[in-house]
Each structure stands twice: as C-alpha cells, then as structure tokens.
Amino acid sequence: MKRLSRGISTALAVTLLTSGCYGSFNLTRQVYHWNGQVQDKWPREFMFLILTWVPIYGLAGLGDAIIFNSLEFWQGKNPVEAPPAAAVSIRRLARSTDEAVLAYAPISKDGQLLIEQFRDGQPAPSVRLQRRGELSVGTDRDGRVVLTAQTLADGGILIRDSRGKQMAVYPADHVATLLGSDP
C-alpha cells in the first residue's frame, strides 16, 4: 500500500512538473461564469460561498491543474470549452443635469441592459432590462416590473408602464441614432 501511495505521488509530481503549462483553467472559469449568472449580488455572493465551501471551486481548479491544463499542453486543445466572453458595452447619455449610463452585458442568451440614472449628479432609480419572450421587461432593484419595451415591425420601440399603459413610442430612426447605427 505504501508503495502504491508513493507511486501515485510520484506520478502526480511528474505530471505537474512536466506539463510546464499555466493553462487556461477553463473549468474553473466555467464555474465562475455560471456563478456570475445569478442575478442579484446577495444571492450571487451566497452561491459563491457555497461553491467555495463545498469546494466546487477547489475541485475545478485541481481538475484544471492536473488534468485539463496538462491535456491542453500536450494536445494543444483544452477539452473543456472556455466560457463566453463577457464583453460589456457601456454608453453614457446626458441631457442638462440628467444622465443615464447604459451597460449591456451578454450574460445570458438574450443579454441584459442595466440603466443607471443620475439627476443633478445624484443616483436615481436604476432599471434592469431583460428579454422575456417578445418583450424586454424592466425591473427595479427589488425585481418589481416597472416597464415593458416592445420592438415594433418597423424597428421602433413601444414603451409601456407596469400597468400596460403606453408611455412612449420611439421611431426606428431615433432608435438607430441612439444606438449609433444607421437606420
């Protein structure tokens, strides 16, 4: 038994020392990406603590270091796919003392848009837009629906309040100008 234990330890040391590769740690990054998809900061933090305590992050890191990064080094390809890039697009809109910061993050299939508002330099209520079927639904910090947005056939946008009452209609050319693209 002692001999088997020594053989396993030696094989493990040889594997770690001969791979010579820092690696991409795709499995660990996949776990981190999955954890990042939890919507609100407190549940996301709670999930992070559970994944650390269980120890999912530790096992993923160990699997990457011993198996997947070594395979990547020797075969040139990691068998675990890298998580999607989290490119965030940010746009600032200002009118007199009012300002809105739009941050688009493709964290889900349809992405999400966070609109942080400021009035006279002070934070105002923020809205998080997410795609739900044919509508984009805007929720406040507490998850309550505050508005819906619907793309019209001509490319315009119809905005309704939480009760379904029309608040605004933006024509396609106005939307294209706002997004910085041609109509």
Protein backbone atom coordinates (compact mmCIF):
# COMPACT_ATOMS: atom_id res chain seq x y z
CA MET A 1 0.00 0.00 0.00
CA LYS A 2 2.86 2.35 0.88
CA ARG A 3 4.48 1.57 -2.46
CA LEU A 4 1.24 2.33 -4.34
CA SER A 5 0.87 5.62 -2.47
CA ARG A 6 4.46 6.57 -3.30
CA GLY A 7 3.90 5.65 -6.98
CA ILE A 8 0.77 7.80 -7.20
CA SER A 9 2.57 10.72 -5.54
CA THR A 10 5.48 10.38 -7.96
CA ALA A 11 3.17 10.19 -10.99
CA LEU A 12 1.28 13.25 -9.77
CA ALA A 13 4.52 15.19 -9.25
CA VAL A 14 5.82 14.18 -12.69
CA THR A 15 2.52 15.22 -14.30
CA LEU A 16 2.60 18.62 -12.62
CA LEU A 17 6.28 19.25 -13.25
CA THR A 18 6.42 18.06 -16.84
CA SER A 19 3.37 19.85 -18.12
CA GLY A 20 5.12 23.21 -17.81
CA CYS A 21 1.88 24.95 -18.65
CA TYR A 22 0.00 27.52 -16.66
CA GLY A 23 -3.11 26.69 -18.70
CA SER A 24 -6.39 28.41 -19.36
CA PHE A 25 -8.30 26.99 -16.35
CA ASN A 26 -11.47 26.69 -18.45
CA LEU A 27 -13.34 24.50 -15.94
CA THR A 28 -12.75 26.98 -13.12
CA ARG A 29 -13.73 29.86 -15.40
CA GLN A 30 -16.91 27.96 -16.41
CA VAL A 31 -17.88 27.59 -12.73
CA TYR A 32 -17.13 31.29 -12.16
CA HIS A 33 -19.18 32.25 -15.24
CA TRP A 34 -22.09 30.10 -14.07
CA ASN A 35 -21.91 31.71 -10.61
CA GLY A 36 -21.87 35.16 -12.25
CA GLN A 37 -25.24 34.49 -13.90
CA VAL A 38 -27.02 34.64 -10.54
CA GLN A 39 -28.95 37.91 -10.90
CA ASP A 40 -28.62 39.85 -7.64
CA LYS A 41 -25.45 40.50 -5.68
CA TRP A 42 -26.50 38.84 -2.39
CA PRO A 43 -27.70 35.55 -3.90
CA ARG A 44 -24.60 35.59 -6.16
CA GLU A 45 -22.36 36.04 -3.08
CA PHE A 46 -24.24 33.31 -1.20
CA MET A 47 -23.80 30.94 -4.16
CA PHE A 48 -20.09 31.84 -4.33
CA LEU A 49 -19.67 30.96 -0.65
CA ILE A 50 -21.47 27.64 -1.12
CA LEU A 51 -19.34 26.78 -4.16
CA THR A 52 -16.22 27.65 -2.18
CA TRP A 53 -17.26 25.76 0.96
CA VAL A 54 -18.45 22.59 -0.82
CA PRO A 55 -15.46 23.00 -2.50
CA ILE A 56 -16.54 23.16 -6.14
CA TYR A 57 -14.06 25.93 -6.98
CA GLY A 58 -11.22 23.94 -5.39
CA LEU A 59 -12.11 20.75 -7.25
CA ALA A 60 -12.47 22.61 -10.53
CA GLY A 61 -9.06 24.25 -10.01
CA LEU A 62 -7.47 20.92 -9.13
CA GLY A 63 -9.07 19.26 -12.17
CA ASP A 64 -7.77 22.08 -14.37
CA ALA A 65 -4.25 21.99 -12.90
CA ILE A 66 -3.80 18.22 -13.03
CA ILE A 67 -5.91 17.03 -15.95
CA PHE A 68 -7.32 19.64 -18.33
CA ASN A 69 -4.39 22.08 -18.49
CA SER A 70 -1.98 19.15 -18.96
CA LEU A 71 -4.13 17.84 -21.81
CA GLU A 72 -4.17 21.34 -23.28
CA PHE A 73 -0.39 21.47 -23.10
CA TRP A 74 0.20 18.06 -24.67
CA GLN A 75 -2.67 18.03 -27.20
CA GLY A 76 -2.90 21.75 -27.94
CA LYS A 77 -6.60 21.93 -27.04
CA ASN A 78 -8.38 22.03 -23.71
CA PRO A 79 -11.29 19.54 -23.66
CA VAL A 80 -13.32 22.00 -21.55
CA GLU A 81 -14.75 24.86 -23.59
CA ALA A 82 -13.91 28.38 -22.44
CA PRO A 83 -16.84 30.38 -21.08
CA PRO A 84 -18.28 33.03 -23.37
CA ALA A 85 -16.55 36.38 -23.29
CA ALA A 86 -18.27 38.86 -21.03
CA ALA A 87 -17.84 41.93 -23.16
CA VAL A 88 -19.75 44.79 -21.59
CA SER A 89 -20.78 47.69 -23.77
CA ILE A 90 -21.25 51.00 -21.95
CA ARG A 91 -22.88 54.15 -23.30
CA ARG A 92 -23.44 57.45 -21.49
CA LEU A 93 -26.37 59.71 -22.36
CA ALA A 94 -26.68 63.19 -20.87
CA ARG A 95 -29.24 65.96 -21.11
CA SER A 96 -28.74 69.07 -18.95
CA THR A 97 -28.32 67.73 -15.37
CA ASP A 98 -29.83 64.31 -16.14
CA GLU A 99 -27.61 61.42 -17.12
CA ALA A 100 -28.10 57.76 -17.91
CA VAL A 101 -25.41 55.11 -18.12
CA LEU A 102 -26.40 52.09 -20.22
CA ALA A 103 -24.35 48.94 -19.61
CA TYR A 104 -25.12 45.95 -21.86
CA ALA A 105 -23.76 42.61 -20.73
CA PRO A 106 -24.42 39.43 -22.69
CA ILE A 107 -24.58 37.28 -19.54
CA SER A 108 -27.50 35.25 -20.80
CA LYS A 109 -28.77 34.14 -24.20
CA ASP A 110 -30.55 37.45 -24.71
CA GLY A 111 -28.27 39.62 -22.63
CA GLN A 112 -29.30 42.26 -20.18
CA LEU A 113 -29.19 46.03 -20.12
CA LEU A 114 -28.64 47.92 -16.88
CA ILE A 115 -29.70 51.56 -16.99
CA GLU A 116 -28.29 53.60 -14.13
CA GLN A 117 -29.79 57.07 -13.89
CA PHE A 118 -28.46 60.24 -12.27
CA ARG A 119 -30.18 63.56 -11.61
CA ASP A 120 -28.07 66.54 -10.60
CA GLY A 121 -25.16 64.15 -10.07
CA GLN A 122 -27.13 62.04 -7.57
CA PRO A 123 -28.15 58.42 -8.23
CA ALA A 124 -31.77 57.98 -9.34
CA PRO A 125 -33.68 54.68 -9.64
CA SER A 126 -31.97 52.14 -11.89
CA VAL A 127 -33.70 49.76 -14.30
CA ARG A 128 -32.54 46.33 -15.44
CA LEU A 129 -33.91 45.25 -18.84
CA GLN A 130 -34.05 41.56 -19.73
CA ARG A 131 -35.64 39.76 -22.65
CA ARG A 132 -38.74 37.70 -21.81
CA GLY A 133 -40.24 36.26 -24.95
CA GLU A 134 -41.27 39.08 -27.29
CA LEU A 135 -40.83 41.80 -24.65
CA SER A 136 -37.98 43.42 -22.80
CA VAL A 137 -39.02 43.75 -19.18
CA GLY A 138 -37.59 46.48 -16.96
CA THR A 139 -37.34 45.76 -13.25
CA ASP A 140 -36.25 47.89 -10.34
CA ARG A 141 -33.69 46.98 -7.69
CA ASP A 142 -36.26 44.81 -5.89
CA GLY A 143 -37.27 42.90 -9.04
CA ARG A 144 -40.62 44.68 -9.50
CA VAL A 145 -41.68 45.27 -13.11
CA VAL A 146 -41.61 49.00 -13.88
CA LEU A 147 -41.90 48.93 -17.68
CA THR A 148 -42.00 46.79 -20.79
CA ALA A 149 -40.46 47.55 -24.17
CA GLN A 150 -41.59 46.01 -27.42
CA THR A 151 -39.79 46.23 -30.75
CA LEU A 152 -42.21 47.23 -33.49
CA ALA A 153 -42.24 45.79 -37.02
CA ASP A 154 -40.57 48.95 -38.41
CA GLY A 155 -37.74 48.82 -35.83
CA GLY A 156 -39.27 51.37 -33.48
CA ILE A 157 -39.84 50.76 -29.78
CA LEU A 158 -43.08 50.94 -27.76
CA ILE A 159 -42.68 51.53 -24.01
CA ARG A 160 -45.46 50.69 -21.53
CA ASP A 161 -45.61 51.14 -17.75
CA SER A 162 -46.15 48.28 -15.28
CA ARG A 163 -49.95 48.50 -15.80
CA GLY A 164 -49.63 48.25 -19.60
CA LYS A 165 -50.33 51.94 -20.30
CA GLN A 166 -48.36 53.37 -23.25
CA MET A 167 -45.64 55.73 -22.06
CA ALA A 168 -43.70 56.42 -25.28
CA VAL A 169 -43.10 55.33 -28.85
CA TYR A 170 -39.69 55.83 -30.43
CA PRO A 171 -39.44 55.64 -34.25
CA ALA A 172 -36.82 53.40 -35.87
CA ASP A 173 -34.57 56.30 -36.97
CA HIS A 174 -34.48 57.68 -33.41
CA VAL A 175 -33.57 54.21 -32.05
CA ALA A 176 -30.82 53.81 -34.69
CA THR A 177 -29.37 57.23 -33.78
CA LEU A 178 -29.42 56.35 -30.08
CA LEU A 179 -27.64 53.06 -30.74
CA GLY A 180 -25.12 54.74 -33.01
CA SER A 181 -26.05 52.74 -36.10
CA ASP A 182 -27.66 53.51 -39.43
CA PRO A 183 -31.46 53.13 -39.65
